[in-house]
ModelCIF file with pLDDT and N, C-alpha, C, O atoms, coordinates in Angstrom:
data_MODEL
#
_entry.id   MODEL 
#
_entity.id                         1 
_entity.type                       polymer 
_entity.pdbx_number_of_molecules   1 
#
_entity_poly.entity_id                      1 
_entity_poly.type                           'polypeptide(L)' 
_entity_poly.nstd_linkage                   no 
_entity_poly.nstd_monomer                   no 
_entity_poly.pdbx_seq_one_letter_code       NDYDTPDGYCIRDYLHVVDLAKAHVVAVNR 
_entity_poly.pdbx_seq_one_letter_code_can   NDYDTPDGYCIRDYLHVVDLAKAHVVAVNR 
_entity_poly.pdbx_strand_id                 A 
#
loop_
_entity_poly_seq.entity_id 
_entity_poly_seq.num 
_entity_poly_seq.mon_id 
_entity_poly_seq.hetero 
1 1  ASN n 
1 2  ASP n 
1 3  TYR n 
1 4  ASP n 
1 5  THR n 
1 6  PRO n 
1 7  ASP n 
1 8  GLY n 
1 9  TYR n 
1 10 CYS n 
1 11 ILE n 
1 12 ARG n 
1 13 ASP n 
1 14 TYR n 
1 15 LEU n 
1 16 HIS n 
1 17 VAL n 
1 18 VAL n 
1 19 ASP n 
1 20 LEU n 
1 21 ALA n 
1 22 LYS n 
1 23 ALA n 
1 24 HIS n 
1 25 VAL n 
1 26 VAL n 
1 27 ALA n 
1 28 VAL n 
1 29 ASN n 
1 30 ARG n 
#
_struct_asym.id          A 
_struct_asym.entity_id   1 
#
loop_
_ma_qa_metric.id 
_ma_qa_metric.mode 
_ma_qa_metric.name 
_ma_qa_metric.software_group_id 
_ma_qa_metric.type 
1 global pLDDT . pLDDT 
2 local  pLDDT . pLDDT 
#
_ma_qa_metric_global.metric_id      1 
_ma_qa_metric_global.metric_value   97.60 
_ma_qa_metric_global.model_id       1 
_ma_qa_metric_global.ordinal_id     1 
#
loop_
_ma_qa_metric_local.label_asym_id 
_ma_qa_metric_local.label_comp_id 
_ma_qa_metric_local.label_seq_id 
_ma_qa_metric_local.metric_id 
_ma_qa_metric_local.metric_value 
_ma_qa_metric_local.model_id 
_ma_qa_metric_local.ordinal_id 
A ASN 1  2 97.00 1 1  
A ASP 2  2 97.00 1 2  
A TYR 3  2 97.00 1 3  
A ASP 4  2 95.00 1 4  
A THR 5  2 97.00 1 5  
A PRO 6  2 97.00 1 6  
A ASP 7  2 97.00 1 7  
A GLY 8  2 97.00 1 8  
A TYR 9  2 98.00 1 9  
A CYS 10 2 97.00 1 10 
A ILE 11 2 98.00 1 11 
A ARG 12 2 97.00 1 12 
A ASP 13 2 98.00 1 13 
A TYR 14 2 98.00 1 14 
A LEU 15 2 98.00 1 15 
A HIS 16 2 98.00 1 16 
A VAL 17 2 98.00 1 17 
A VAL 18 2 98.00 1 18 
A ASP 19 2 98.00 1 19 
A LEU 20 2 98.00 1 20 
A ALA 21 2 98.00 1 21 
A LYS 22 2 98.00 1 22 
A ALA 23 2 98.00 1 23 
A HIS 24 2 98.00 1 24 
A VAL 25 2 98.00 1 25 
A VAL 26 2 98.00 1 26 
A ALA 27 2 98.00 1 27 
A VAL 28 2 98.00 1 28 
A ASN 29 2 98.00 1 29 
A ARG 30 2 98.00 1 30 
#
loop_
_atom_site.group_PDB 
_atom_site.id 
_atom_site.type_symbol 
_atom_site.label_atom_id 
_atom_site.label_alt_id 
_atom_site.label_comp_id 
_atom_site.label_asym_id 
_atom_site.label_entity_id 
_atom_site.label_seq_id 
_atom_site.pdbx_PDB_ins_code 
_atom_site.Cartn_x 
_atom_site.Cartn_y 
_atom_site.Cartn_z 
_atom_site.occupancy 
_atom_site.B_iso_or_equiv 
_atom_site.pdbx_formal_charge 
_atom_site.auth_seq_id 
_atom_site.auth_comp_id 
_atom_site.auth_asym_id 
_atom_site.auth_atom_id 
_atom_site.pdbx_PDB_model_num 
ATOM 1   N N  . ASN A 1 1  ? 0.042   0.944  0.273  1.00 97.00 ? 1  ASN A N  1 
ATOM 2   C CA . ASN A 1 1  ? 0.442   -0.377 0.923  1.00 97.00 ? 1  ASN A CA 1 
ATOM 3   C C  . ASN A 1 1  ? 1.935   -0.383 1.177  1.00 97.00 ? 1  ASN A C  1 
ATOM 4   O O  . ASN A 1 1  ? 2.556   -1.429 1.366  1.00 97.00 ? 1  ASN A O  1 
ATOM 5   N N  . ASP A 1 2  ? 2.536   0.913  1.175  1.00 97.00 ? 2  ASP A N  1 
ATOM 6   C CA . ASP A 1 2  ? 3.981   1.034  1.281  1.00 97.00 ? 2  ASP A CA 1 
ATOM 7   C C  . ASP A 1 2  ? 4.400   1.791  2.599  1.00 97.00 ? 2  ASP A C  1 
ATOM 8   O O  . ASP A 1 2  ? 5.413   2.486  2.682  1.00 97.00 ? 2  ASP A O  1 
ATOM 9   N N  . TYR A 1 3  ? 3.543   1.584  3.570  1.00 97.00 ? 3  TYR A N  1 
ATOM 10  C CA . TYR A 1 3  ? 3.874   2.318  4.798  1.00 97.00 ? 3  TYR A CA 1 
ATOM 11  C C  . TYR A 1 3  ? 4.814   1.498  5.636  1.00 97.00 ? 3  TYR A C  1 
ATOM 12  O O  . TYR A 1 3  ? 4.958   0.297  5.409  1.00 97.00 ? 3  TYR A O  1 
ATOM 13  N N  . ASP A 1 4  ? 5.482   2.141  6.638  1.00 95.00 ? 4  ASP A N  1 
ATOM 14  C CA . ASP A 1 4  ? 6.422   1.469  7.537  1.00 95.00 ? 4  ASP A CA 1 
ATOM 15  C C  . ASP A 1 4  ? 5.642   0.787  8.613  1.00 95.00 ? 4  ASP A C  1 
ATOM 16  O O  . ASP A 1 4  ? 5.632   1.244  9.756  1.00 95.00 ? 4  ASP A O  1 
ATOM 17  N N  . THR A 1 5  ? 4.967   -0.331 8.269  1.00 97.00 ? 5  THR A N  1 
ATOM 18  C CA . THR A 1 5  ? 4.190   -1.091 9.170  1.00 97.00 ? 5  THR A CA 1 
ATOM 19  C C  . THR A 1 5  ? 4.421   -2.551 8.774  1.00 97.00 ? 5  THR A C  1 
ATOM 20  O O  . THR A 1 5  ? 4.915   -2.832 7.682  1.00 97.00 ? 5  THR A O  1 
ATOM 21  N N  . PRO A 1 6  ? 4.058   -3.484 9.675  1.00 97.00 ? 6  PRO A N  1 
ATOM 22  C CA . PRO A 1 6  ? 4.434   -4.930 9.315  1.00 97.00 ? 6  PRO A CA 1 
ATOM 23  C C  . PRO A 1 6  ? 3.818   -5.474 7.919  1.00 97.00 ? 6  PRO A C  1 
ATOM 24  O O  . PRO A 1 6  ? 4.423   -6.325 7.268  1.00 97.00 ? 6  PRO A O  1 
ATOM 25  N N  . ASP A 1 7  ? 2.704   -4.988 7.541  1.00 97.00 ? 7  ASP A N  1 
ATOM 26  C CA . ASP A 1 7  ? 2.203   -5.479 6.291  1.00 97.00 ? 7  ASP A CA 1 
ATOM 27  C C  . ASP A 1 7  ? 2.066   -4.455 5.195  1.00 97.00 ? 7  ASP A C  1 
ATOM 28  O O  . ASP A 1 7  ? 1.555   -4.712 4.105  1.00 97.00 ? 7  ASP A O  1 
ATOM 29  N N  . GLY A 1 8  ? 2.580   -3.207 5.563  1.00 97.00 ? 8  GLY A N  1 
ATOM 30  C CA . GLY A 1 8  ? 2.568   -2.132 4.579  1.00 97.00 ? 8  GLY A CA 1 
ATOM 31  C C  . GLY A 1 8  ? 1.443   -1.236 4.572  1.00 97.00 ? 8  GLY A C  1 
ATOM 32  O O  . GLY A 1 8  ? 1.492   -0.222 3.876  1.00 97.00 ? 8  GLY A O  1 
ATOM 33  N N  . TYR A 1 9  ? 0.314   -1.536 5.356  1.00 98.00 ? 9  TYR A N  1 
ATOM 34  C CA . TYR A 1 9  ? -0.921  -0.872 5.360  1.00 98.00 ? 9  TYR A CA 1 
ATOM 35  C C  . TYR A 1 9  ? -0.976  -0.002 6.651  1.00 98.00 ? 9  TYR A C  1 
ATOM 36  O O  . TYR A 1 9  ? -0.314  -0.278 7.651  1.00 98.00 ? 9  TYR A O  1 
ATOM 37  N N  . CYS A 1 10 ? -1.806  1.061  6.561  1.00 97.00 ? 10 CYS A N  1 
ATOM 38  C CA . CYS A 1 10 ? -2.007  1.930  7.653  1.00 97.00 ? 10 CYS A CA 1 
ATOM 39  C C  . CYS A 1 10 ? -2.552  1.194  8.852  1.00 97.00 ? 10 CYS A C  1 
ATOM 40  O O  . CYS A 1 10 ? -3.353  0.277  8.673  1.00 97.00 ? 10 CYS A O  1 
ATOM 41  N N  . ILE A 1 11 ? -2.151  1.555  10.108 1.00 98.00 ? 11 ILE A N  1 
ATOM 42  C CA . ILE A 1 11 ? -2.646  0.924  11.266 1.00 98.00 ? 11 ILE A CA 1 
ATOM 43  C C  . ILE A 1 11 ? -3.494  1.862  12.160 1.00 98.00 ? 11 ILE A C  1 
ATOM 44  O O  . ILE A 1 11 ? -3.101  3.001  12.412 1.00 98.00 ? 11 ILE A O  1 
ATOM 45  N N  . ARG A 1 12 ? -4.644  1.378  12.629 1.00 97.00 ? 12 ARG A N  1 
ATOM 46  C CA . ARG A 1 12 ? -5.600  2.214  13.337 1.00 97.00 ? 12 ARG A CA 1 
ATOM 47  C C  . ARG A 1 12 ? -6.003  1.377  14.557 1.00 97.00 ? 12 ARG A C  1 
ATOM 48  O O  . ARG A 1 12 ? -5.742  0.179  14.668 1.00 97.00 ? 12 ARG A O  1 
ATOM 49  N N  . ASP A 1 13 ? -6.680  2.132  15.487 1.00 98.00 ? 13 ASP A N  1 
ATOM 50  C CA . ASP A 1 13 ? -7.267  1.481  16.739 1.00 98.00 ? 13 ASP A CA 1 
ATOM 51  C C  . ASP A 1 13 ? -8.834  1.657  16.496 1.00 98.00 ? 13 ASP A C  1 
ATOM 52  O O  . ASP A 1 13 ? -9.404  2.744  16.602 1.00 98.00 ? 13 ASP A O  1 
ATOM 53  N N  . TYR A 1 14 ? -9.464  0.459  16.159 1.00 98.00 ? 14 TYR A N  1 
ATOM 54  C CA . TYR A 1 14 ? -10.922 0.433  15.890 1.00 98.00 ? 14 TYR A CA 1 
ATOM 55  C C  . TYR A 1 14 ? -11.695 0.052  17.078 1.00 98.00 ? 14 TYR A C  1 
ATOM 56  O O  . TYR A 1 14 ? -11.462 -1.022 17.632 1.00 98.00 ? 14 TYR A O  1 
ATOM 57  N N  . LEU A 1 15 ? -12.615 0.870  17.515 1.00 98.00 ? 15 LEU A N  1 
ATOM 58  C CA . LEU A 1 15 ? -13.428 0.620  18.681 1.00 98.00 ? 15 LEU A CA 1 
ATOM 59  C C  . LEU A 1 15 ? -15.000 0.659  18.294 1.00 98.00 ? 15 LEU A C  1 
ATOM 60  O O  . LEU A 1 15 ? -15.456 1.420  17.440 1.00 98.00 ? 15 LEU A O  1 
ATOM 61  N N  . HIS A 1 16 ? -15.663 -0.147 18.943 1.00 98.00 ? 16 HIS A N  1 
ATOM 62  C CA . HIS A 1 16 ? -17.148 -0.279 18.696 1.00 98.00 ? 16 HIS A CA 1 
ATOM 63  C C  . HIS A 1 16 ? -17.899 1.045  19.081 1.00 98.00 ? 16 HIS A C  1 
ATOM 64  O O  . HIS A 1 16 ? -17.693 1.609  20.156 1.00 98.00 ? 16 HIS A O  1 
ATOM 65  N N  . VAL A 1 17 ? -18.715 1.473  18.209 1.00 98.00 ? 17 VAL A N  1 
ATOM 66  C CA . VAL A 1 17 ? -19.356 2.801  18.503 1.00 98.00 ? 17 VAL A CA 1 
ATOM 67  C C  . VAL A 1 17 ? -20.171 2.816  19.785 1.00 98.00 ? 17 VAL A C  1 
ATOM 68  O O  . VAL A 1 17 ? -20.273 3.859  20.431 1.00 98.00 ? 17 VAL A O  1 
ATOM 69  N N  . VAL A 1 18 ? -20.762 1.671  20.176 1.00 98.00 ? 18 VAL A N  1 
ATOM 70  C CA . VAL A 1 18 ? -21.528 1.530  21.398 1.00 98.00 ? 18 VAL A CA 1 
ATOM 71  C C  . VAL A 1 18 ? -20.651 1.742  22.636 1.00 98.00 ? 18 VAL A C  1 
ATOM 72  O O  . VAL A 1 18 ? -21.025 2.389  23.613 1.00 98.00 ? 18 VAL A O  1 
ATOM 73  N N  . ASP A 1 19 ? -19.399 1.120  22.517 1.00 98.00 ? 19 ASP A N  1 
ATOM 74  C CA . ASP A 1 19 ? -18.527 1.340  23.611 1.00 98.00 ? 19 ASP A CA 1 
ATOM 75  C C  . ASP A 1 19 ? -18.070 2.852  23.795 1.00 98.00 ? 19 ASP A C  1 
ATOM 76  O O  . ASP A 1 19 ? -17.860 3.388  24.883 1.00 98.00 ? 19 ASP A O  1 
ATOM 77  N N  . LEU A 1 20 ? -17.958 3.419  22.607 1.00 98.00 ? 20 LEU A N  1 
ATOM 78  C CA . LEU A 1 20 ? -17.628 4.910  22.549 1.00 98.00 ? 20 LEU A CA 1 
ATOM 79  C C  . LEU A 1 20 ? -18.820 5.745  23.090 1.00 98.00 ? 20 LEU A C  1 
ATOM 80  O O  . LEU A 1 20 ? -18.623 6.736  23.794 1.00 98.00 ? 20 LEU A O  1 
ATOM 81  N N  . ALA A 1 21 ? -19.956 5.357  22.772 1.00 98.00 ? 21 ALA A N  1 
ATOM 82  C CA . ALA A 1 21 ? -21.150 6.137  23.279 1.00 98.00 ? 21 ALA A CA 1 
ATOM 83  C C  . ALA A 1 21 ? -21.300 6.062  24.726 1.00 98.00 ? 21 ALA A C  1 
ATOM 84  O O  . ALA A 1 21 ? -21.689 7.018  25.396 1.00 98.00 ? 21 ALA A O  1 
ATOM 85  N N  . LYS A 1 22 ? -20.974 4.857  25.236 1.00 98.00 ? 22 LYS A N  1 
ATOM 86  C CA . LYS A 1 22 ? -21.068 4.731  26.736 1.00 98.00 ? 22 LYS A CA 1 
ATOM 87  C C  . LYS A 1 22 ? -20.026 5.532  27.474 1.00 98.00 ? 22 LYS A C  1 
ATOM 88  O O  . LYS A 1 22 ? -20.240 5.922  28.622 1.00 98.00 ? 22 LYS A O  1 
ATOM 89  N N  . ALA A 1 23 ? -18.915 5.781  26.842 1.00 98.00 ? 23 ALA A N  1 
ATOM 90  C CA . ALA A 1 23 ? -17.912 6.674  27.467 1.00 98.00 ? 23 ALA A CA 1 
ATOM 91  C C  . ALA A 1 23 ? -18.393 8.117  27.644 1.00 98.00 ? 23 ALA A C  1 
ATOM 92  O O  . ALA A 1 23 ? -17.955 8.847  28.533 1.00 98.00 ? 23 ALA A O  1 
ATOM 93  N N  . HIS A 1 24 ? -19.318 8.489  26.747 1.00 98.00 ? 24 HIS A N  1 
ATOM 94  C CA . HIS A 1 24 ? -19.861 9.944  26.898 1.00 98.00 ? 24 HIS A CA 1 
ATOM 95  C C  . HIS A 1 24 ? -20.821 9.959  28.120 1.00 98.00 ? 24 HIS A C  1 
ATOM 96  O O  . HIS A 1 24 ? -20.877 10.957 28.840 1.00 98.00 ? 24 HIS A O  1 
ATOM 97  N N  . VAL A 1 25 ? -21.536 8.917  28.343 1.00 98.00 ? 25 VAL A N  1 
ATOM 98  C CA . VAL A 1 25 ? -22.393 8.850  29.565 1.00 98.00 ? 25 VAL A CA 1 
ATOM 99  C C  . VAL A 1 25 ? -21.552 8.900  30.804 1.00 98.00 ? 25 VAL A C  1 
ATOM 100 O O  . VAL A 1 25 ? -21.943 9.575  31.757 1.00 98.00 ? 25 VAL A O  1 
ATOM 101 N N  . VAL A 1 26 ? -20.384 8.210  30.861 1.00 98.00 ? 26 VAL A N  1 
ATOM 102 C CA . VAL A 1 26 ? -19.489 8.162  31.970 1.00 98.00 ? 26 VAL A CA 1 
ATOM 103 C C  . VAL A 1 26 ? -18.910 9.556  32.150 1.00 98.00 ? 26 VAL A C  1 
ATOM 104 O O  . VAL A 1 26 ? -18.731 9.993  33.286 1.00 98.00 ? 26 VAL A O  1 
ATOM 105 N N  . ALA A 1 27 ? -18.602 10.290 31.039 1.00 98.00 ? 27 ALA A N  1 
ATOM 106 C CA . ALA A 1 27 ? -18.044 11.673 31.052 1.00 98.00 ? 27 ALA A CA 1 
ATOM 107 C C  . ALA A 1 27 ? -19.078 12.619 31.684 1.00 98.00 ? 27 ALA A C  1 
ATOM 108 O O  . ALA A 1 27 ? -18.761 13.405 32.577 1.00 98.00 ? 27 ALA A O  1 
ATOM 109 N N  . VAL A 1 28 ? -20.258 12.525 31.218 1.00 98.00 ? 28 VAL A N  1 
ATOM 110 C CA . VAL A 1 28 ? -21.326 13.488 31.821 1.00 98.00 ? 28 VAL A CA 1 
ATOM 111 C C  . VAL A 1 28 ? -21.613 13.142 33.273 1.00 98.00 ? 28 VAL A C  1 
ATOM 112 O O  . VAL A 1 28 ? -21.824 14.052 34.075 1.00 98.00 ? 28 VAL A O  1 
ATOM 113 N N  . ASN A 1 29 ? -21.630 11.810 33.662 1.00 98.00 ? 29 ASN A N  1 
ATOM 114 C CA . ASN A 1 29 ? -21.865 11.537 35.014 1.00 98.00 ? 29 ASN A CA 1 
ATOM 115 C C  . ASN A 1 29 ? -20.717 12.113 35.926 1.00 98.00 ? 29 ASN A C  1 
ATOM 116 O O  . ASN A 1 29 ? -20.885 12.604 37.042 1.00 98.00 ? 29 ASN A O  1 
ATOM 117 N N  . ARG A 1 30 ? -19.560 11.974 35.280 1.00 98.00 ? 30 ARG A N  1 
ATOM 118 C CA . ARG A 1 30 ? -18.347 12.537 36.109 1.00 98.00 ? 30 ARG A CA 1 
ATOM 119 C C  . ARG A 1 30 ? -18.473 14.017 36.355 1.00 98.00 ? 30 ARG A C  1 
ATOM 120 O O  . ARG A 1 30 ? -17.603 14.613 36.991 1.00 98.00 ? 30 ARG A O  1 
#
């Protein structure tokens, strides 16, 4: 909890797995 972030905790970009899964369909279609 001592990171150089506003609250000291690590920051990540969390996305829903179903949204991620749909991106693979888009990639295959492409």
